[in-house]
Every structure is written in structure tokens, then in C-alpha cells.
């Protein structure tokens, strides 16, 4: 059994900002596992200790924004975020622990990503990524549109190939590998 009052207190400390719309969110805390469902937008206002989310989410009905907070892990993120998921500007080397379904945009730019492990299986609109030559991109093809950020102009992303296969599913990943 989870200590529901302690989970809510921790949520309010890091995610609640008086007077901002997130203070009006409806929270449901699962008493069995302490995971939070939020009907509303979630924004991480304070950098958590050790670069990890201080609570665990189950589901977020709108957007989940955890950008620019020095996170080193996405463990604890909701598995489903109905609108945007924003984790840009952290210290993430992987996306493990992030949501598996994002209804709109998935923003992961300005992170030192080494791979795309943990990337959502479904992305409704755009995927924003940093680009460097060694970043494996096949998993990114789940998104209908991919926007690369922070790349060296001397080694631009392979847009001609990415645009051809983006959003076309797993089969497209195999076809893309051939090119």
C-alpha cells in the first residue's frame, strides 16, 4: 500500500505552482502502487534531487512537461500522455522510462542522447530530436514528422530518407535500412 498523502505532498512540492493552471488539476493516486493519474497539464517546476522524477505517473490527460530540469532518467513518466511530452534540455542519454503513447508532439531536443531506446511506440504528430551522426534513427520513424535540432551543418541529418519513411511503421524501418 502506498502512502497517498505523502505521494500527494511530494507531487505538490515539485509539480504544483500556486496560481498556475496546474494547481487546478484533478489527481487520482492509486493506493496500491502510489502512481498518479492527472486530469490536466503537468509541469515539473523544481529540479528534483538525483535527476529523477520524485513521483510516478500512470496517465496524463493533457501535456507532461519535464524540460530543463537536469533529469538523467525518465523513469516514473506516465505510459500515456494524451497531448505533448516535453523532456528537452535535460541530461538524458536514453528515453527509457518515457511514455509509450504520446498524442501529439514528443520533444526531446537538447539532450545528449546516445540512442532512442525507450522512445514512444506511438507519436501523434512531431518528434523533435537532437541529431549527431552516431545517433541510431530507425526508431524515430514511428513519428509522422521528425524535426532535428542542434546538428552540425557539416553533417546534416538525412532528411531525404527520413521524410520518405517517417510515420510508416515497422515495415518502413526495414526498407529505410536498405538505403
Foldseek 3Di string as FASTA:
>chain_A
DDPQVVLVVLQCVFWNDPPDPQVVWDWDADRVPRAIEIADETAGPAQDPPQEDPGAHAYYAAEYHDDQRQHAALAREHQEHQAEYAHAHHAYQEHANYHQEHNEEYEHDNYNHQEHPRPHQAHNAEYEYEDDPRYDCLSQLCHQYYHYPPYDPVDDDPVVLSNVRRNPDDVSSVVSVVD
